[in-house]
Amino acid sequence: MALWSELRAIIRWLLRRPDPPPPGYGERVQAAEQDAARRRLLGQAEAARLRNSRWYTEPTEPNAYVPPTLGQRTGYQVRYDQ
């Protein structure tokens, strides 16, 4: 008899359903996802606008001339004695 009650308990456990979400939960999740997508799109549009602006493309200071090092002039090649 104990076997049947254990089997019945296992079957009831397998067939139980989770509690349904509260009313309006799906709409709140969807609204949050839409807000996040809107923020991402606005951020991308702002980044593109800044990238295309003159402020972004021009350097703020001219680069000072730095002479190349010996390794840069020789391509970092090593001469061995022969």
PDB file of N, CA and C in Angstrom:
ATOM      1  N   MET A   1       0.809  -1.186   0.000  1.00  0.00           N
ATOM      2  CA  MET A   1       0.000   0.000   0.000  1.00  0.00           C
ATOM      3  C   MET A   1       0.862   1.263   0.000  1.00  0.00           C
ATOM      4  N   ALA A   2       2.002   1.229   0.670  1.00  0.00           N
ATOM      5  CA  ALA A   2       2.870   2.399   0.744  1.00  0.00           C
ATOM      6  C   ALA A   2       3.434   2.741  -0.634  1.00  0.00           C
ATOM      7  N   LEU A   3       3.629   1.716  -1.443  1.00  0.00           N
ATOM      8  CA  LEU A   3       4.146   1.942  -2.790  1.00  0.00           C
ATOM      9  C   LEU A   3       3.181   2.789  -3.603  1.00  0.00           C
ATOM     10  N   TRP A   4       1.883   2.496  -3.499  1.00  0.00           N
ATOM     11  CA  TRP A   4       0.894   3.261  -4.246  1.00  0.00           C
ATOM     12  C   TRP A   4       0.826   4.710  -3.780  1.00  0.00           C
ATOM     13  N   SER A   5       0.949   4.938  -2.503  1.00  0.00           N
ATOM     14  CA  SER A   5       0.879   6.309  -2.007  1.00  0.00           C
ATOM     15  C   SER A   5       2.127   7.094  -2.433  1.00  0.00           C
ATOM     16  N   GLU A   6       3.281   6.427  -2.433  1.00  0.00           N
ATOM     17  CA  GLU A   6       4.502   7.093  -2.901  1.00  0.00           C
ATOM     18  C   GLU A   6       4.400   7.406  -4.398  1.00  0.00           C
ATOM     19  N   LEU A   7       3.903   6.447  -5.164  1.00  0.00           N
ATOM     20  CA  LEU A   7       3.734   6.660  -6.599  1.00  0.00           C
ATOM     21  C   LEU A   7       2.746   7.785  -6.865  1.00  0.00           C
ATOM     22  N   ARG A   8       1.666   7.824  -6.102  1.00  0.00           N
ATOM     23  CA  ARG A   8       0.675   8.892  -6.247  1.00  0.00           C
ATOM     24  C   ARG A   8       1.295  10.250  -5.903  1.00  0.00           C
ATOM     25  N   ALA A   9       2.112  10.312  -4.876  1.00  0.00           N
ATOM     26  CA  ALA A   9       2.759  11.565  -4.489  1.00  0.00           C
ATOM     27  C   ALA A   9       3.729  12.035  -5.567  1.00  0.00           C
ATOM     28  N   ILE A  10       4.465  11.115  -6.162  1.00  0.00           N
ATOM     29  CA  ILE A  10       5.411  11.471  -7.223  1.00  0.00           C
ATOM     30  C   ILE A  10       4.664  11.996  -8.441  1.00  0.00           C
ATOM     31  N   ILE A  11       3.570  11.328  -8.823  1.00  0.00           N
ATOM     32  CA  ILE A  11       2.798  11.756  -9.989  1.00  0.00           C
ATOM     33  C   ILE A  11       2.181  13.133  -9.736  1.00  0.00           C
ATOM     34  N   ARG A  12       1.649  13.361  -8.539  1.00  0.00           N
ATOM     35  CA  ARG A  12       1.083  14.673  -8.226  1.00  0.00           C
ATOM     36  C   ARG A  12       2.177  15.746  -8.267  1.00  0.00           C
ATOM     37  N   TRP A  13       3.376  15.401  -7.797  1.00  0.00           N
ATOM     38  CA  TRP A  13       4.481  16.358  -7.820  1.00  0.00           C
ATOM     39  C   TRP A  13       4.886  16.689  -9.257  1.00  0.00           C
ATOM     40  N   LEU A  14       4.910  15.680 -10.137  1.00  0.00           N
ATOM     41  CA  LEU A  14       5.274  15.901 -11.532  1.00  0.00           C
ATOM     42  C   LEU A  14       4.215  16.709 -12.277  1.00  0.00           C
ATOM     43  N   LEU A  15       2.958  16.532 -11.917  1.00  0.00           N
ATOM     44  CA  LEU A  15       1.882  17.190 -12.647  1.00  0.00           C
ATOM     45  C   LEU A  15       1.505  18.558 -12.078  1.00  0.00           C
ATOM     46  N   ARG A  16       2.060  18.931 -10.949  1.00  0.00           N
ATOM     47  CA  ARG A  16       1.663  20.217 -10.371  1.00  0.00           C
ATOM     48  C   ARG A  16       2.145  21.360 -11.257  1.00  0.00           C
ATOM     49  N   ARG A  17       1.404  22.390 -11.252  1.00  0.00           N
ATOM     50  CA  ARG A  17       1.709  23.531 -12.108  1.00  0.00           C
ATOM     51  C   ARG A  17       2.129  24.701 -11.236  1.00  0.00           C
ATOM     52  N   PRO A  18       3.041  25.522 -11.743  1.00  0.00           N
ATOM     53  CA  PRO A  18       3.458  26.680 -10.949  1.00  0.00           C
ATOM     54  C   PRO A  18       2.317  27.694 -10.861  1.00  0.00           C
ATOM     55  N   ASP A  19       2.403  28.522  -9.857  1.00  0.00           N
ATOM     56  CA  ASP A  19       1.395  29.564  -9.703  1.00  0.00           C
ATOM     57  C   ASP A  19       1.482  30.525 -10.880  1.00  0.00           C
ATOM     58  N   PRO A  20       0.337  30.959 -11.375  1.00  0.00           N
ATOM     59  CA  PRO A  20       0.378  31.900 -12.503  1.00  0.00           C
ATOM     60  C   PRO A  20       0.966  33.242 -12.052  1.00  0.00           C
ATOM     61  N   PRO A  21       1.598  33.956 -12.955  1.00  0.00           N
ATOM     62  CA  PRO A  21       2.160  35.253 -12.573  1.00  0.00           C
ATOM     63  C   PRO A  21       1.037  36.230 -12.223  1.00  0.00           C
ATOM     64  N   PRO A  22       1.356  37.251 -11.452  1.00  0.00           N
ATOM     65  CA  PRO A  22       0.314  38.217 -11.082  1.00  0.00           C
ATOM     66  C   PRO A  22      -0.211  38.950 -12.310  1.00  0.00           C
ATOM     67  N   PRO A  23      -1.415  39.497 -12.226  1.00  0.00           N
ATOM     68  CA  PRO A  23      -1.985  40.210 -13.376  1.00  0.00           C
ATOM     69  C   PRO A  23      -1.120  41.411 -13.757  1.00  0.00           C
ATOM     70  N   GLY A  24      -0.927  41.589 -15.049  1.00  0.00           N
ATOM     71  CA  GLY A  24      -0.157  42.723 -15.538  1.00  0.00           C
ATOM     72  C   GLY A  24       1.336  42.483 -15.575  1.00  0.00           C
ATOM     73  N   TYR A  25       1.794  41.299 -15.187  1.00  0.00           N
ATOM     74  CA  TYR A  25       3.232  41.010 -15.144  1.00  0.00           C
ATOM     75  C   TYR A  25       3.844  41.040 -16.544  1.00  0.00           C
ATOM     76  N   GLY A  26       3.172  40.454 -17.507  1.00  0.00           N
ATOM     77  CA  GLY A  26       3.682  40.420 -18.879  1.00  0.00           C
ATOM     78  C   GLY A  26       3.823  41.811 -19.474  1.00  0.00           C
ATOM     79  N   GLU A  27       2.841  42.665 -19.196  1.00  0.00           N
ATOM     80  CA  GLU A  27       2.902  44.034 -19.717  1.00  0.00           C
ATOM     81  C   GLU A  27       4.071  44.804 -19.097  1.00  0.00           C
ATOM     82  N   ARG A  28       4.312  44.587 -17.800  1.00  0.00           N
ATOM     83  CA  ARG A  28       5.428  45.276 -17.146  1.00  0.00           C
ATOM     84  C   ARG A  28       6.770  44.816 -17.718  1.00  0.00           C
ATOM     85  N   VAL A  29       6.903  43.515 -17.957  1.00  0.00           N
ATOM     86  CA  VAL A  29       8.150  42.993 -18.525  1.00  0.00           C
ATOM     87  C   VAL A  29       8.352  43.553 -19.924  1.00  0.00           C
ATOM     88  N   GLN A  30       7.290  43.553 -20.726  1.00  0.00           N
ATOM     89  CA  GLN A  30       7.386  44.070 -22.089  1.00  0.00           C
ATOM     90  C   GLN A  30       7.730  45.556 -22.091  1.00  0.00           C
ATOM     91  N   ALA A  31       7.147  46.333 -21.198  1.00  0.00           N
ATOM     92  CA  ALA A  31       7.443  47.765 -21.121  1.00  0.00           C
ATOM     93  C   ALA A  31       8.900  47.991 -20.723  1.00  0.00           C
ATOM     94  N   ALA A  32       9.404  47.191 -19.796  1.00  0.00           N
ATOM     95  CA  ALA A  32      10.805  47.333 -19.381  1.00  0.00           C
ATOM     96  C   ALA A  32      11.743  47.004 -20.540  1.00  0.00           C
ATOM     97  N   GLU A  33      11.435  45.960 -21.294  1.00  0.00           N
ATOM     98  CA  GLU A  33      12.266  45.602 -22.446  1.00  0.00           C
ATOM     99  C   GLU A  33      12.222  46.684 -23.517  1.00  0.00           C
ATOM    100  N   GLN A  34      11.060  47.270 -23.744  1.00  0.00           N
ATOM    101  CA  GLN A  34      10.954  48.340 -24.737  1.00  0.00           C
ATOM    102  C   GLN A  34      11.734  49.574 -24.297  1.00  0.00           C
ATOM    103  N   ASP A  35      11.689  49.897 -23.011  1.00  0.00           N
ATOM    104  CA  ASP A  35      12.462  51.035 -22.511  1.00  0.00           C
ATOM    105  C   ASP A  35      13.957  50.810 -22.679  1.00  0.00           C
ATOM    106  N   ALA A  36      14.402  49.597 -22.392  1.00  0.00           N
ATOM    107  CA  ALA A  36      15.823  49.280 -22.551  1.00  0.00           C
ATOM    108  C   ALA A  36      16.232  49.377 -24.021  1.00  0.00           C
ATOM    109  N   ALA A  37      15.402  48.875 -24.923  1.00  0.00           N
ATOM    110  CA  ALA A  37      15.713  48.954 -26.353  1.00  0.00           C
ATOM    111  C   ALA A  37      15.733  50.404 -26.825  1.00  0.00           C
ATOM    112  N   ARG A  38      14.797  51.209 -26.316  1.00  0.00           N
ATOM    113  CA  ARG A  38      14.761  52.628 -26.689  1.00  0.00           C
ATOM    114  C   ARG A  38      16.027  53.346 -26.213  1.00  0.00           C
ATOM    115  N   ARG A  39      16.469  53.046 -24.989  1.00  0.00           N
ATOM    116  CA  ARG A  39      17.702  53.665 -24.482  1.00  0.00           C
ATOM    117  C   ARG A  39      18.912  53.250 -25.321  1.00  0.00           C
ATOM    118  N   ARG A  40      18.965  51.971 -25.721  1.00  0.00           N
ATOM    119  CA  ARG A  40      20.084  51.520 -26.561  1.00  0.00           C
ATOM    120  C   ARG A  40      20.083  52.237 -27.903  1.00  0.00           C
ATOM    121  N   LEU A  41      18.909  52.365 -28.519  1.00  0.00           N
ATOM    122  CA  LEU A  41      18.832  53.044 -29.815  1.00  0.00           C
ATOM    123  C   LEU A  41      19.218  54.511 -29.696  1.00  0.00           C
ATOM    124  N   LEU A  42      18.740  55.169 -28.643  1.00  0.00           N
ATOM    125  CA  LEU A  42      19.107  56.574 -28.455  1.00  0.00           C
ATOM    126  C   LEU A  42      20.594  56.713 -28.204  1.00  0.00           C
ATOM    127  N   GLY A  43      21.174  55.786 -27.454  1.00  0.00           N
ATOM    128  CA  GLY A  43      22.608  55.823 -27.205  1.00  0.00           C
ATOM    129  C   GLY A  43      23.410  55.625 -28.487  1.00  0.00           C
ATOM    130  N   GLN A  44      22.947  54.719 -29.348  1.00  0.00           N
ATOM    131  CA  GLN A  44      23.645  54.488 -30.611  1.00  0.00           C
ATOM    132  C   GLN A  44      23.521  55.697 -31.523  1.00  0.00           C
ATOM    133  N   ALA A  45      22.357  56.324 -31.561  1.00  0.00           N
ATOM    134  CA  ALA A  45      22.163  57.500 -32.415  1.00  0.00           C
ATOM    135  C   ALA A  45      23.035  58.650 -31.919  1.00  0.00           C
ATOM    136  N   GLU A  46      23.106  58.830 -30.615  1.00  0.00           N
ATOM    137  CA  GLU A  46      23.939  59.898 -30.054  1.00  0.00           C
ATOM    138  C   GLU A  46      25.418  59.633 -30.340  1.00  0.00           C
ATOM    139  N   ALA A  47      25.843  58.373 -30.216  1.00  0.00           N
ATOM    140  CA  ALA A  47      27.235  58.033 -30.500  1.00  0.00           C
ATOM    141  C   ALA A  47      27.563  58.280 -31.973  1.00  0.00           C
ATOM    142  N   ALA A  48      26.655  57.937 -32.880  1.00  0.00           N
ATOM    143  CA  ALA A  48      26.894  58.177 -34.299  1.00  0.00           C
ATOM    144  C   ALA A  48      26.957  59.670 -34.593  1.00  0.00           C
ATOM    145  N   ARG A  49      26.086  60.441 -33.946  1.00  0.00           N
ATOM    146  CA  ARG A  49      26.098  61.888 -34.150  1.00  0.00           C
ATOM    147  C   ARG A  49      27.418  62.487 -33.667  1.00  0.00           C
ATOM    148  N   LEU A  50      27.904  62.029 -32.537  1.00  0.00           N
ATOM    149  CA  LEU A  50      29.174  62.548 -32.029  1.00  0.00           C
ATOM    150  C   LEU A  50      30.350  62.117 -32.899  1.00  0.00           C
ATOM    151  N   ARG A  51      30.300  60.874 -33.409  1.00  0.00           N
ATOM    152  CA  ARG A  51      31.386  60.408 -34.270  1.00  0.00           C
ATOM    153  C   ARG A  51      31.468  61.217 -35.552  1.00  0.00           C
ATOM    154  N   ASN A  52      30.327  61.665 -36.067  1.00  0.00           N
ATOM    155  CA  ASN A  52      30.308  62.411 -37.311  1.00  0.00           C
ATOM    156  C   ASN A  52      30.542  63.905 -37.104  1.00  0.00           C
ATOM    157  N   SER A  53      30.668  64.324 -35.872  1.00  0.00           N
ATOM    158  CA  SER A  53      30.859  65.749 -35.613  1.00  0.00           C
ATOM    159  C   SER A  53      32.312  66.146 -35.857  1.00  0.00           C
ATOM    160  N   ARG A  54      32.520  67.408 -36.090  1.00  0.00           N
ATOM    161  CA  ARG A  54      33.858  67.918 -36.349  1.00  0.00           C
ATOM    162  C   ARG A  54      34.729  67.801 -35.099  1.00  0.00           C
ATOM    163  N   TRP A  55      34.109  67.949 -33.939  1.00  0.00           N
ATOM    164  CA  TRP A  55      34.838  67.868 -32.684  1.00  0.00           C
ATOM    165  C   TRP A  55      35.525  66.515 -32.534  1.00  0.00           C
ATOM    166  N   TYR A  56      34.874  65.458 -32.986  1.00  0.00           N
ATOM    167  CA  TYR A  56      35.408  64.116 -32.819  1.00  0.00           C
ATOM    168  C   TYR A  56      36.531  63.835 -33.812  1.00  0.00           C
ATOM    169  N   THR A  57      36.447  64.366 -35.017  1.00  0.00           N
ATOM    170  CA  THR A  57      37.395  63.993 -36.062  1.00  0.00           C
ATOM    171  C   THR A  57      38.683  64.800 -36.015  1.00  0.00           C
ATOM    172  N   GLU A  58      38.670  65.973 -35.405  1.00  0.00           N
ATOM    173  CA  GLU A  58      39.881  66.788 -35.373  1.00  0.00           C
ATOM    174  C   GLU A  58      40.643  66.575 -34.074  1.00  0.00           C
ATOM    175  N   PRO A  59      41.973  66.493 -34.146  1.00  0.00           N
ATOM    176  CA  PRO A  59      42.739  66.346 -32.910  1.00  0.00           C
ATOM    177  C   PRO A  59      42.703  67.640 -32.100  1.00  0.00           C
ATOM    178  N   THR A  60      42.805  67.508 -30.799  1.00  0.00           N
ATOM    179  CA  THR A  60      42.765  68.690 -29.948  1.00  0.00           C
ATOM    180  C   THR A  60      44.117  69.401 -29.928  1.00  0.00           C
ATOM    181  N   GLU A  61      45.190  68.660 -30.081  1.00  0.00           N
ATOM    182  CA  GLU A  61      46.529  69.247 -30.107  1.00  0.00           C
ATOM    183  C   GLU A  61      47.305  68.609 -31.245  1.00  0.00           C
ATOM    184  N   PRO A  62      48.179  69.378 -31.903  1.00  0.00           N
ATOM    185  CA  PRO A  62      49.000  68.752 -32.936  1.00  0.00           C
ATOM    186  C   PRO A  62      50.011  67.806 -32.284  1.00  0.00           C
ATOM    187  N   ASN A  63      50.284  66.724 -32.969  1.00  0.00           N
ATOM    188  CA  ASN A  63      51.243  65.769 -32.437  1.00  0.00           C
ATOM    189  C   ASN A  63      52.656  66.305 -32.609  1.00  0.00           C
ATOM    190  N   ALA A  64      53.418  66.210 -31.558  1.00  0.00           N
ATOM    191  CA  ALA A  64      54.810  66.637 -31.629  1.00  0.00           C
ATOM    192  C   ALA A  64      55.625  65.554 -32.338  1.00  0.00           C
ATOM    193  N   TYR A  65      56.620  65.967 -33.100  1.00  0.00           N
ATOM    194  CA  TYR A  65      57.453  65.015 -33.816  1.00  0.00           C
ATOM    195  C   TYR A  65      58.336  64.271 -32.820  1.00  0.00           C
ATOM    196  N   VAL A  66      58.300  62.970 -32.919  1.00  0.00           N
ATOM    197  CA  VAL A  66      59.155  62.128 -32.090  1.00  0.00           C
ATOM    198  C   VAL A  66      59.991  61.299 -33.056  1.00  0.00           C
ATOM    199  N   PRO A  67      61.306  61.482 -33.032  1.00  0.00           N
ATOM    200  CA  PRO A  67      62.135  60.720 -33.964  1.00  0.00           C
ATOM    201  C   PRO A  67      62.055  59.225 -33.655  1.00  0.00           C
ATOM    202  N   PRO A  68      62.131  58.395 -34.689  1.00  0.00           N
ATOM    203  CA  PRO A  68      62.053  56.952 -34.458  1.00  0.00           C
ATOM    204  C   PRO A  68      63.299  56.453 -33.727  1.00  0.00           C
ATOM    205  N   THR A  69      63.100  55.400 -32.980  1.00  0.00           N
ATOM    206  CA  THR A  69      64.226  54.796 -32.273  1.00  0.00           C
ATOM    207  C   THR A  69      65.057  53.977 -33.244  1.00  0.00           C
ATOM    208  N   LEU A  70      66.213  53.548 -32.797  1.00  0.00           N
ATOM    209  CA  LEU A  70      67.085  52.733 -33.641  1.00  0.00           C
ATOM    210  C   LEU A  70      66.389  51.441 -34.045  1.00  0.00           C
ATOM    211  N   GLY A  71      65.677  50.855 -33.126  1.00  0.00           N
ATOM    212  CA  GLY A  71      64.961  49.618 -33.445  1.00  0.00           C
ATOM    213  C   GLY A  71      63.888  49.842 -34.482  1.00  0.00           C
ATOM    214  N   GLN A  72      63.175  50.968 -34.405  1.00  0.00           N
ATOM    215  CA  GLN A  72      62.150  51.258 -35.401  1.00  0.00           C
ATOM    216  C   GLN A  72      62.773  51.519 -36.763  1.00  0.00           C
ATOM    217  N   ARG A  73      63.953  52.187 -36.793  1.00  0.00           N
ATOM    218  CA  ARG A  73      64.590  52.467 -38.081  1.00  0.00           C
ATOM    219  C   ARG A  73      65.110  51.195 -38.729  1.00  0.00           C
ATOM    220  N   THR A  74      65.605  50.274 -37.950  1.00  0.00           N
ATOM    221  CA  THR A  74      66.172  49.037 -38.511  1.00  0.00           C
ATOM    222  C   THR A  74      65.149  47.914 -38.594  1.00  0.00           C
ATOM    223  N   GLY A  75      63.916  48.172 -38.201  1.00  0.00           N
ATOM    224  CA  GLY A  75      62.896  47.125 -38.264  1.00  0.00           C
ATOM    225  C   GLY A  75      63.098  46.076 -37.194  1.00  0.00           C
ATOM    226  N   TYR A  76      63.775  46.428 -36.112  1.00  0.00           N
ATOM    227  CA  TYR A  76      64.037  45.527 -34.999  1.00  0.00           C
ATOM    228  C   TYR A  76      64.773  44.266 -35.438  1.00  0.00           C
ATOM    229  N   GLN A  77      65.635  44.404 -36.440  1.00  0.00           N
ATOM    230  CA  GLN A  77      66.427  43.274 -36.882  1.00  0.00           C
ATOM    231  C   GLN A  77      67.719  43.229 -36.090  1.00  0.00           C
ATOM    232  N   VAL A  78      68.193  42.042 -35.845  1.00  0.00           N
ATOM    233  CA  VAL A  78      69.411  41.859 -35.062  1.00  0.00           C
ATOM    234  C   VAL A  78      70.498  41.352 -35.988  1.00  0.00           C
ATOM    235  N   ARG A  79      71.659  41.986 -35.917  1.00  0.00           N
ATOM    236  CA  ARG A  79      72.794  41.510 -36.702  1.00  0.00           C
ATOM    237  C   ARG A  79      73.667  40.642 -35.830  1.00  0.00           C
ATOM    238  N   TYR A  80      73.955  39.475 -36.323  1.00  0.00           N
ATOM    239  CA  TYR A  80      74.814  38.551 -35.593  1.00  0.00           C
ATOM    240  C   TYR A  80      76.201  38.569 -36.208  1.00  0.00           C
ATOM    241  N   ASP A  81      77.211  38.337 -35.404  1.00  0.00           N
ATOM    242  CA  ASP A  81      78.580  38.219 -35.925  1.00  0.00           C
ATOM    243  C   ASP A  81      78.695  36.954 -36.725  1.00  0.00           C
ATOM    244  N   GLN A  82      79.410  37.058 -37.824  1.00  0.00           N
ATOM    245  CA  GLN A  82      79.547  35.862 -38.664  1.00  0.00           C
ATOM    246  C   GLN A  82      80.932  35.346 -38.664  1.00  0.00           C
TER     247      GLN A  82
END
